[in-house]
N, C-alpha and C. Protein backbone atom coordinates (compact mmCIF):
# COMPACT_ATOMS: atom_id res chain seq x y z
N MET A 1 -45.01 -53.50 16.81
CA MET A 1 -46.28 -52.80 16.82
C MET A 1 -46.47 -51.81 16.00
N ILE A 2 -45.36 -51.61 15.09
CA ILE A 2 -45.26 -50.48 14.11
C ILE A 2 -45.99 -51.23 12.79
N ASN A 3 -47.04 -50.61 12.40
CA ASN A 3 -47.86 -51.01 11.39
C ASN A 3 -47.58 -50.49 10.01
N GLU A 4 -46.71 -51.15 9.18
CA GLU A 4 -45.90 -50.45 7.87
C GLU A 4 -46.99 -50.14 6.70
N SER A 5 -48.31 -50.30 7.12
CA SER A 5 -49.23 -50.37 6.19
C SER A 5 -49.88 -48.69 6.58
N ARG A 6 -49.82 -48.23 7.53
CA ARG A 6 -50.24 -46.98 7.92
C ARG A 6 -49.19 -45.90 7.76
N THR A 7 -49.45 -44.48 7.45
CA THR A 7 -48.53 -43.55 8.10
C THR A 7 -49.45 -42.76 9.19
N VAL A 8 -48.54 -43.02 10.40
CA VAL A 8 -48.70 -42.30 11.53
C VAL A 8 -48.19 -41.14 11.99
N ILE A 9 -48.77 -40.29 12.53
CA ILE A 9 -47.91 -39.14 13.31
C ILE A 9 -48.32 -39.13 14.76
N LEU A 10 -47.07 -39.23 15.25
CA LEU A 10 -47.13 -38.86 16.71
C LEU A 10 -47.04 -37.64 17.25
N PHE A 11 -47.86 -36.82 18.34
CA PHE A 11 -47.45 -35.45 18.58
C PHE A 11 -47.97 -35.27 20.00
N ASP A 12 -47.68 -34.25 20.48
CA ASP A 12 -47.85 -34.06 21.94
C ASP A 12 -49.23 -33.44 22.10
N GLY A 13 -49.83 -34.23 22.68
CA GLY A 13 -51.44 -34.09 22.75
C GLY A 13 -51.98 -33.10 23.61
N VAL A 14 -50.84 -32.38 24.48
CA VAL A 14 -51.28 -31.31 25.24
C VAL A 14 -50.95 -29.80 24.68
N CYS A 15 -50.09 -29.96 23.59
CA CYS A 15 -49.69 -28.64 23.10
C CYS A 15 -50.58 -28.15 22.05
N HIS A 16 -50.89 -26.72 22.37
CA HIS A 16 -51.87 -26.19 21.26
C HIS A 16 -51.28 -25.86 19.93
N LEU A 17 -49.97 -25.75 19.64
CA LEU A 17 -49.31 -25.69 18.40
C LEU A 17 -49.16 -27.21 17.73
N CYS A 18 -49.35 -28.36 18.47
CA CYS A 18 -49.07 -29.52 17.79
C CYS A 18 -50.57 -29.78 17.37
N ASN A 19 -51.64 -29.68 18.40
CA ASN A 19 -53.07 -29.96 17.95
C ASN A 19 -53.71 -28.95 16.78
N ASN A 20 -52.95 -27.86 16.62
CA ASN A 20 -53.12 -27.09 15.23
C ASN A 20 -52.43 -27.64 14.45
N TRP A 21 -51.24 -28.20 14.23
CA TRP A 21 -50.63 -28.97 13.32
C TRP A 21 -51.64 -30.00 12.98
N VAL A 22 -51.85 -30.80 13.78
CA VAL A 22 -52.59 -32.07 13.41
C VAL A 22 -54.01 -31.74 12.60
N ARG A 23 -54.85 -30.58 13.02
CA ARG A 23 -55.98 -29.99 12.52
C ARG A 23 -55.56 -29.67 11.18
N PHE A 24 -54.20 -29.02 10.92
CA PHE A 24 -53.90 -28.42 9.69
C PHE A 24 -53.79 -29.57 8.82
N ILE A 25 -53.14 -30.73 8.87
CA ILE A 25 -53.12 -31.94 8.36
C ILE A 25 -54.23 -32.67 7.84
N ILE A 26 -55.21 -32.59 8.76
CA ILE A 26 -56.70 -33.41 8.64
C ILE A 26 -57.20 -32.82 7.67
N ARG A 27 -57.26 -31.57 7.69
CA ARG A 27 -58.26 -30.69 6.83
C ARG A 27 -57.38 -30.50 5.39
N ARG A 28 -56.11 -31.05 5.22
CA ARG A 28 -55.61 -30.83 3.90
C ARG A 28 -55.32 -32.40 3.39
N ASP A 29 -55.55 -33.30 4.17
CA ASP A 29 -55.29 -34.72 3.57
C ASP A 29 -56.23 -35.44 3.08
N LYS A 30 -56.38 -35.03 1.74
CA LYS A 30 -57.72 -35.34 0.66
C LYS A 30 -57.53 -36.92 0.60
N LYS A 31 -56.40 -37.59 0.67
CA LYS A 31 -56.12 -39.27 0.63
C LYS A 31 -56.63 -39.76 1.67
N GLN A 32 -56.70 -39.19 2.84
CA GLN A 32 -56.90 -39.77 4.07
C GLN A 32 -55.77 -40.79 4.72
N GLN A 33 -54.68 -40.61 4.45
CA GLN A 33 -53.49 -41.18 4.58
C GLN A 33 -53.03 -41.33 5.59
N PHE A 34 -53.11 -40.31 6.69
CA PHE A 34 -52.55 -39.92 7.94
C PHE A 34 -53.46 -40.39 9.07
N TYR A 35 -52.55 -41.11 10.18
CA TYR A 35 -53.52 -41.63 11.39
C TYR A 35 -52.68 -41.02 12.49
N PHE A 36 -53.40 -40.51 13.39
CA PHE A 36 -52.67 -39.66 14.65
C PHE A 36 -52.59 -40.57 15.77
N ALA A 37 -51.72 -39.93 16.71
CA ALA A 37 -51.55 -40.76 18.03
C ALA A 37 -51.07 -39.56 18.98
N PRO A 38 -51.71 -38.88 20.10
CA PRO A 38 -50.78 -38.31 20.97
C PRO A 38 -49.51 -39.15 21.56
N LEU A 39 -48.56 -38.26 21.84
CA LEU A 39 -47.34 -39.17 22.56
C LEU A 39 -47.88 -39.67 23.97
N GLN A 40 -48.80 -39.25 24.61
CA GLN A 40 -49.13 -39.68 25.96
C GLN A 40 -50.09 -41.07 25.79
N SER A 41 -50.58 -41.49 24.65
CA SER A 41 -51.27 -42.54 24.27
C SER A 41 -50.23 -43.72 24.67
N GLU A 42 -51.20 -44.83 24.74
CA GLU A 42 -50.63 -46.44 24.96
C GLU A 42 -49.91 -46.71 23.64
N TYR A 43 -50.77 -46.38 22.54
CA TYR A 43 -50.18 -46.60 21.39
C TYR A 43 -48.69 -46.12 20.88
N ALA A 44 -48.71 -44.72 21.36
CA ALA A 44 -47.43 -44.12 21.08
C ALA A 44 -46.34 -44.69 22.12
N GLN A 45 -46.80 -44.71 23.10
CA GLN A 45 -45.84 -45.25 24.13
C GLN A 45 -45.18 -46.57 23.98
N GLY A 46 -46.01 -47.55 23.33
CA GLY A 46 -45.45 -48.95 22.75
C GLY A 46 -44.78 -48.74 21.66
N ILE A 47 -45.10 -47.61 20.73
CA ILE A 47 -43.99 -47.55 19.72
C ILE A 47 -42.51 -46.81 20.10
N LEU A 48 -42.48 -45.87 21.27
CA LEU A 48 -41.55 -45.27 21.68
C LEU A 48 -40.37 -46.37 22.31
N ALA A 49 -41.35 -47.36 22.85
CA ALA A 49 -40.76 -48.41 23.99
C ALA A 49 -40.03 -49.31 22.92
N GLU A 50 -40.50 -49.61 21.77
CA GLU A 50 -39.90 -50.59 20.55
C GLU A 50 -38.67 -49.96 20.17
N ARG A 51 -38.50 -48.67 19.83
CA ARG A 51 -37.36 -47.97 19.17
C ARG A 51 -36.66 -47.08 20.30
N GLU A 52 -35.60 -47.58 20.71
CA GLU A 52 -34.63 -46.93 21.75
C GLU A 52 -34.17 -45.46 21.46
N ASN A 53 -34.01 -45.41 20.00
CA ASN A 53 -33.79 -44.03 19.67
C ASN A 53 -34.62 -42.80 19.78
N LEU A 54 -35.88 -43.10 19.81
CA LEU A 54 -37.15 -42.35 20.02
C LEU A 54 -37.45 -41.77 21.29
N GLN A 55 -36.89 -42.82 22.44
CA GLN A 55 -37.12 -42.52 23.74
C GLN A 55 -36.65 -40.89 24.17
N THR A 56 -35.51 -40.56 23.40
CA THR A 56 -35.03 -39.24 23.79
C THR A 56 -35.96 -38.08 23.17
N LEU A 57 -36.78 -38.50 22.45
CA LEU A 57 -37.43 -37.52 21.80
C LEU A 57 -39.06 -37.21 22.22
N PRO A 58 -39.17 -37.14 23.33
CA PRO A 58 -40.75 -37.03 23.90
C PRO A 58 -41.40 -35.70 23.49
N ASP A 59 -40.88 -34.91 22.98
CA ASP A 59 -41.70 -33.53 22.47
C ASP A 59 -41.67 -33.24 21.12
N SER A 60 -41.40 -34.34 20.10
CA SER A 60 -41.10 -34.34 18.96
C SER A 60 -41.97 -34.71 18.24
N VAL A 61 -42.37 -34.21 16.95
CA VAL A 61 -43.50 -34.87 16.14
C VAL A 61 -42.58 -36.06 15.36
N ILE A 62 -43.16 -37.03 15.30
CA ILE A 62 -42.77 -38.14 14.89
C ILE A 62 -43.54 -38.75 13.73
N LEU A 63 -42.95 -39.02 12.62
CA LEU A 63 -43.79 -39.95 11.50
C LEU A 63 -43.47 -41.03 11.00
N ILE A 64 -44.03 -42.03 11.14
CA ILE A 64 -43.88 -43.45 10.70
C ILE A 64 -44.61 -43.66 9.14
N HIS A 65 -43.72 -43.58 8.12
CA HIS A 65 -44.15 -43.91 6.92
C HIS A 65 -43.33 -45.05 6.06
N LEU A 66 -44.43 -46.14 5.82
CA LEU A 66 -43.59 -47.46 5.15
C LEU A 66 -42.47 -47.77 5.89
N GLY A 67 -42.69 -47.75 7.52
CA GLY A 67 -41.54 -48.46 8.01
C GLY A 67 -40.71 -47.47 8.43
N VAL A 68 -40.51 -46.50 7.96
CA VAL A 68 -39.60 -45.66 8.19
C VAL A 68 -39.87 -44.63 9.06
N VAL A 69 -39.03 -43.92 10.10
CA VAL A 69 -39.23 -43.39 11.34
C VAL A 69 -38.62 -41.87 10.96
N TYR A 70 -39.36 -40.74 11.00
CA TYR A 70 -38.76 -39.52 10.59
C TYR A 70 -39.05 -38.62 12.05
N THR A 71 -38.08 -37.66 12.49
CA THR A 71 -38.41 -37.00 13.58
C THR A 71 -38.08 -35.46 13.34
N GLU A 72 -38.45 -34.59 14.05
CA GLU A 72 -38.21 -33.27 13.92
C GLU A 72 -38.40 -32.77 12.69
N SER A 73 -37.73 -31.77 12.18
CA SER A 73 -37.96 -31.33 10.91
C SER A 73 -38.10 -32.08 9.77
N ASP A 74 -37.23 -33.16 9.79
CA ASP A 74 -37.48 -34.12 8.70
C ASP A 74 -39.01 -34.79 8.59
N ALA A 75 -39.35 -34.87 9.75
CA ALA A 75 -40.98 -35.43 10.01
C ALA A 75 -41.85 -34.40 9.40
N ALA A 76 -41.56 -33.13 9.75
CA ALA A 76 -42.85 -32.14 9.60
C ALA A 76 -42.61 -31.87 7.87
N LEU A 77 -41.20 -32.08 7.34
CA LEU A 77 -41.32 -31.64 6.02
C LEU A 77 -41.71 -32.62 5.15
N LYS A 78 -41.43 -33.89 5.52
CA LYS A 78 -42.04 -35.26 4.89
C LYS A 78 -43.68 -35.34 4.70
N ILE A 79 -44.13 -34.76 5.68
CA ILE A 79 -45.50 -34.43 6.12
C ILE A 79 -46.19 -33.61 4.91
N LEU A 80 -45.67 -32.25 4.81
CA LEU A 80 -45.78 -31.61 4.07
C LEU A 80 -45.67 -32.18 2.62
N LYS A 81 -44.67 -32.94 2.10
CA LYS A 81 -44.64 -33.49 1.00
C LYS A 81 -45.62 -34.34 0.59
N LEU A 82 -46.05 -35.58 1.58
CA LEU A 82 -47.05 -36.46 1.42
C LEU A 82 -48.17 -35.61 1.35
N LEU A 83 -48.56 -34.52 1.47
CA LEU A 83 -49.96 -33.78 1.63
C LEU A 83 -50.01 -33.47 0.08
N GLY A 84 -48.90 -33.44 -0.79
CA GLY A 84 -48.73 -33.05 -2.11
C GLY A 84 -49.31 -31.55 -2.35
N GLY A 85 -49.61 -31.64 -3.83
CA GLY A 85 -50.17 -30.10 -4.52
C GLY A 85 -49.14 -29.01 -4.07
N PHE A 86 -49.84 -27.96 -3.68
CA PHE A 86 -49.16 -26.58 -2.94
C PHE A 86 -48.00 -27.05 -2.12
N TRP A 87 -48.27 -28.20 -1.23
CA TRP A 87 -47.53 -28.22 0.19
C TRP A 87 -46.22 -28.98 -0.27
N THR A 88 -45.86 -29.40 -1.43
CA THR A 88 -44.78 -29.71 -1.67
C THR A 88 -43.53 -28.45 -1.86
N ILE A 89 -44.00 -27.29 -2.08
CA ILE A 89 -43.08 -26.35 -2.23
C ILE A 89 -42.54 -26.03 -1.06
N PRO A 90 -43.36 -25.62 0.17
CA PRO A 90 -42.59 -25.58 1.43
C PRO A 90 -41.54 -26.84 1.72
N ALA A 91 -42.12 -27.74 1.29
CA ALA A 91 -41.76 -29.13 1.52
C ALA A 91 -39.90 -29.19 1.08
N LEU A 92 -39.64 -28.16 0.12
CA LEU A 92 -38.44 -27.81 -0.32
C LEU A 92 -37.56 -27.34 0.48
N ALA A 93 -37.92 -27.34 1.74
CA ALA A 93 -36.93 -26.67 2.67
C ALA A 93 -35.98 -27.69 3.18
N ILE A 94 -36.15 -29.00 2.65
CA ILE A 94 -35.38 -30.14 3.14
C ILE A 94 -34.22 -29.82 2.52
N PHE A 95 -33.84 -29.14 1.50
CA PHE A 95 -32.61 -28.52 1.09
C PHE A 95 -31.92 -27.67 1.83
N VAL A 96 -32.56 -26.96 2.85
CA VAL A 96 -31.90 -26.40 3.84
C VAL A 96 -30.88 -27.12 4.81
N PRO A 97 -29.84 -26.65 4.89
CA PRO A 97 -28.92 -27.63 5.74
C PRO A 97 -29.59 -27.97 7.04
N LYS A 98 -29.65 -29.35 7.22
CA LYS A 98 -30.19 -29.97 8.35
C LYS A 98 -29.79 -29.38 9.63
N PHE A 99 -28.67 -28.92 10.08
CA PHE A 99 -28.16 -28.33 11.20
C PHE A 99 -29.13 -27.38 11.56
N PHE A 100 -29.32 -26.34 10.53
CA PHE A 100 -29.96 -25.20 10.75
C PHE A 100 -31.72 -25.72 10.92
N ARG A 101 -32.11 -26.36 10.10
CA ARG A 101 -33.28 -26.83 10.25
C ARG A 101 -33.82 -27.33 11.60
N GLN A 102 -32.55 -28.29 12.20
CA GLN A 102 -32.91 -28.68 13.55
C GLN A 102 -32.86 -27.53 14.35
N TRP A 103 -32.06 -26.80 14.59
CA TRP A 103 -32.09 -25.68 15.41
C TRP A 103 -33.31 -24.80 15.51
N VAL A 104 -33.81 -24.49 14.09
CA VAL A 104 -35.01 -23.70 14.38
C VAL A 104 -36.17 -24.69 15.00
N TYR A 105 -36.15 -25.93 14.44
CA TYR A 105 -37.34 -26.78 15.04
C TYR A 105 -36.99 -26.90 16.55
N ARG A 106 -36.11 -26.99 17.01
CA ARG A 106 -35.80 -27.43 18.40
C ARG A 106 -36.00 -26.02 19.15
N LEU A 107 -35.77 -24.95 18.73
CA LEU A 107 -35.96 -23.72 19.31
C LEU A 107 -37.75 -23.38 19.44
N ILE A 108 -38.21 -23.82 18.58
CA ILE A 108 -39.70 -23.92 18.57
C ILE A 108 -40.12 -24.76 19.54
N SER A 109 -40.00 -26.14 19.66
CA SER A 109 -40.15 -26.99 20.24
C SER A 109 -40.04 -26.68 21.86
N ARG A 110 -38.97 -26.15 22.16
CA ARG A 110 -38.58 -25.93 23.70
C ARG A 110 -39.41 -24.58 24.02
N ASN A 111 -39.93 -23.76 23.31
CA ASN A 111 -40.61 -22.66 23.65
C ASN A 111 -42.13 -23.09 23.32
N ARG A 112 -42.60 -23.94 23.00
CA ARG A 112 -43.99 -24.03 22.32
C ARG A 112 -45.01 -23.62 23.32
N TYR A 113 -44.77 -24.26 24.56
CA TYR A 113 -45.97 -23.96 25.58
C TYR A 113 -45.82 -22.29 25.94
N ARG A 114 -44.77 -22.08 25.99
CA ARG A 114 -44.81 -20.71 26.52
C ARG A 114 -45.41 -19.56 25.44
N TRP A 115 -44.96 -20.10 24.21
CA TRP A 115 -45.57 -19.23 23.08
C TRP A 115 -46.94 -19.50 22.53
N PHE A 116 -47.20 -20.90 22.64
CA PHE A 116 -48.54 -21.10 21.91
C PHE A 116 -49.60 -21.62 23.27
N GLY A 117 -49.06 -22.11 23.86
CA GLY A 117 -50.18 -22.81 25.36
C GLY A 117 -49.99 -24.14 25.10
N LYS A 118 -50.66 -24.36 26.36
CA LYS A 118 -50.74 -26.02 26.85
C LYS A 118 -51.94 -26.24 27.33
N TYR A 119 -52.45 -27.35 26.95
CA TYR A 119 -53.87 -27.89 27.28
C TYR A 119 -53.57 -28.77 28.82
N ASP A 120 -54.55 -28.76 29.82
CA ASP A 120 -54.35 -29.40 30.93
C ASP A 120 -54.07 -31.21 30.71
N SER A 121 -55.22 -31.70 29.49
CA SER A 121 -54.99 -32.79 29.18
C SER A 121 -55.16 -33.00 27.53
N CYS A 122 -54.87 -34.29 26.91
CA CYS A 122 -54.93 -34.37 25.65
C CYS A 122 -56.28 -34.07 25.18
N GLN A 123 -56.58 -33.59 24.06
CA GLN A 123 -57.76 -33.15 23.53
C GLN A 123 -58.49 -34.33 22.69
N MET A 124 -59.66 -34.54 22.78
CA MET A 124 -60.48 -35.25 22.29
C MET A 124 -60.65 -34.68 20.89
N PRO A 125 -60.49 -35.79 19.64
CA PRO A 125 -60.78 -35.48 18.21
C PRO A 125 -62.13 -35.17 17.87
N GLN A 126 -62.31 -34.33 16.88
CA GLN A 126 -63.57 -34.07 16.40
C GLN A 126 -64.14 -35.42 16.34
N PRO A 127 -65.74 -35.66 16.22
CA PRO A 127 -66.22 -36.93 16.05
C PRO A 127 -65.98 -37.41 14.75
N GLU A 128 -66.03 -36.66 13.37
CA GLU A 128 -65.86 -36.93 12.06
C GLU A 128 -64.27 -37.36 11.97
N TRP A 129 -63.53 -37.10 12.82
CA TRP A 129 -61.82 -37.33 12.84
C TRP A 129 -61.70 -38.73 13.49
N LYS A 130 -62.66 -39.16 14.37
CA LYS A 130 -62.05 -39.95 15.14
C LYS A 130 -61.64 -41.21 14.79
N SER A 131 -61.87 -41.60 13.56
CA SER A 131 -61.48 -43.15 13.10
C SER A 131 -60.01 -42.93 12.73
N ARG A 132 -59.38 -41.74 12.45
CA ARG A 132 -58.11 -41.33 12.26
C ARG A 132 -57.20 -41.48 13.33
N PHE A 133 -57.74 -41.45 14.74
CA PHE A 133 -56.89 -41.67 16.11
C PHE A 133 -56.67 -42.85 16.35
N LEU A 134 -55.52 -43.25 16.70
CA LEU A 134 -55.18 -44.61 17.29
C LEU A 134 -54.87 -44.46 18.68
N ASN A 135 -55.44 -45.46 19.36
CA ASN A 135 -55.56 -45.21 21.13
C ASN A 135 -54.16 -46.13 21.37
């Protein structure tokens, strides 16, 4: 099910923070290289079912790039690197020890609904972005 020719970001479709992250990426993705699917979608559920190690990360941002799966802080920093330009600078945080990056990522992930809010259902993409979302 993983299409290695696409760079796909799986995200929590009911999370305000996650939806804002997707909008942030789309607005800066000049190459239109990223495709998106909420974790709640059939597409994402199929990918999660394929990869046993991903089934334990239902609330994580997941990046699939050239067939390689990135999760948590690795995914977020790889996305910034792929955006290029200025965004390669914050992506240098990859050199921060992984245990610390993951601790910060998981702290935010655990508290994201309380801190940023939650939608009742997945949000529909803006019409001009609809082709970038996978069902």
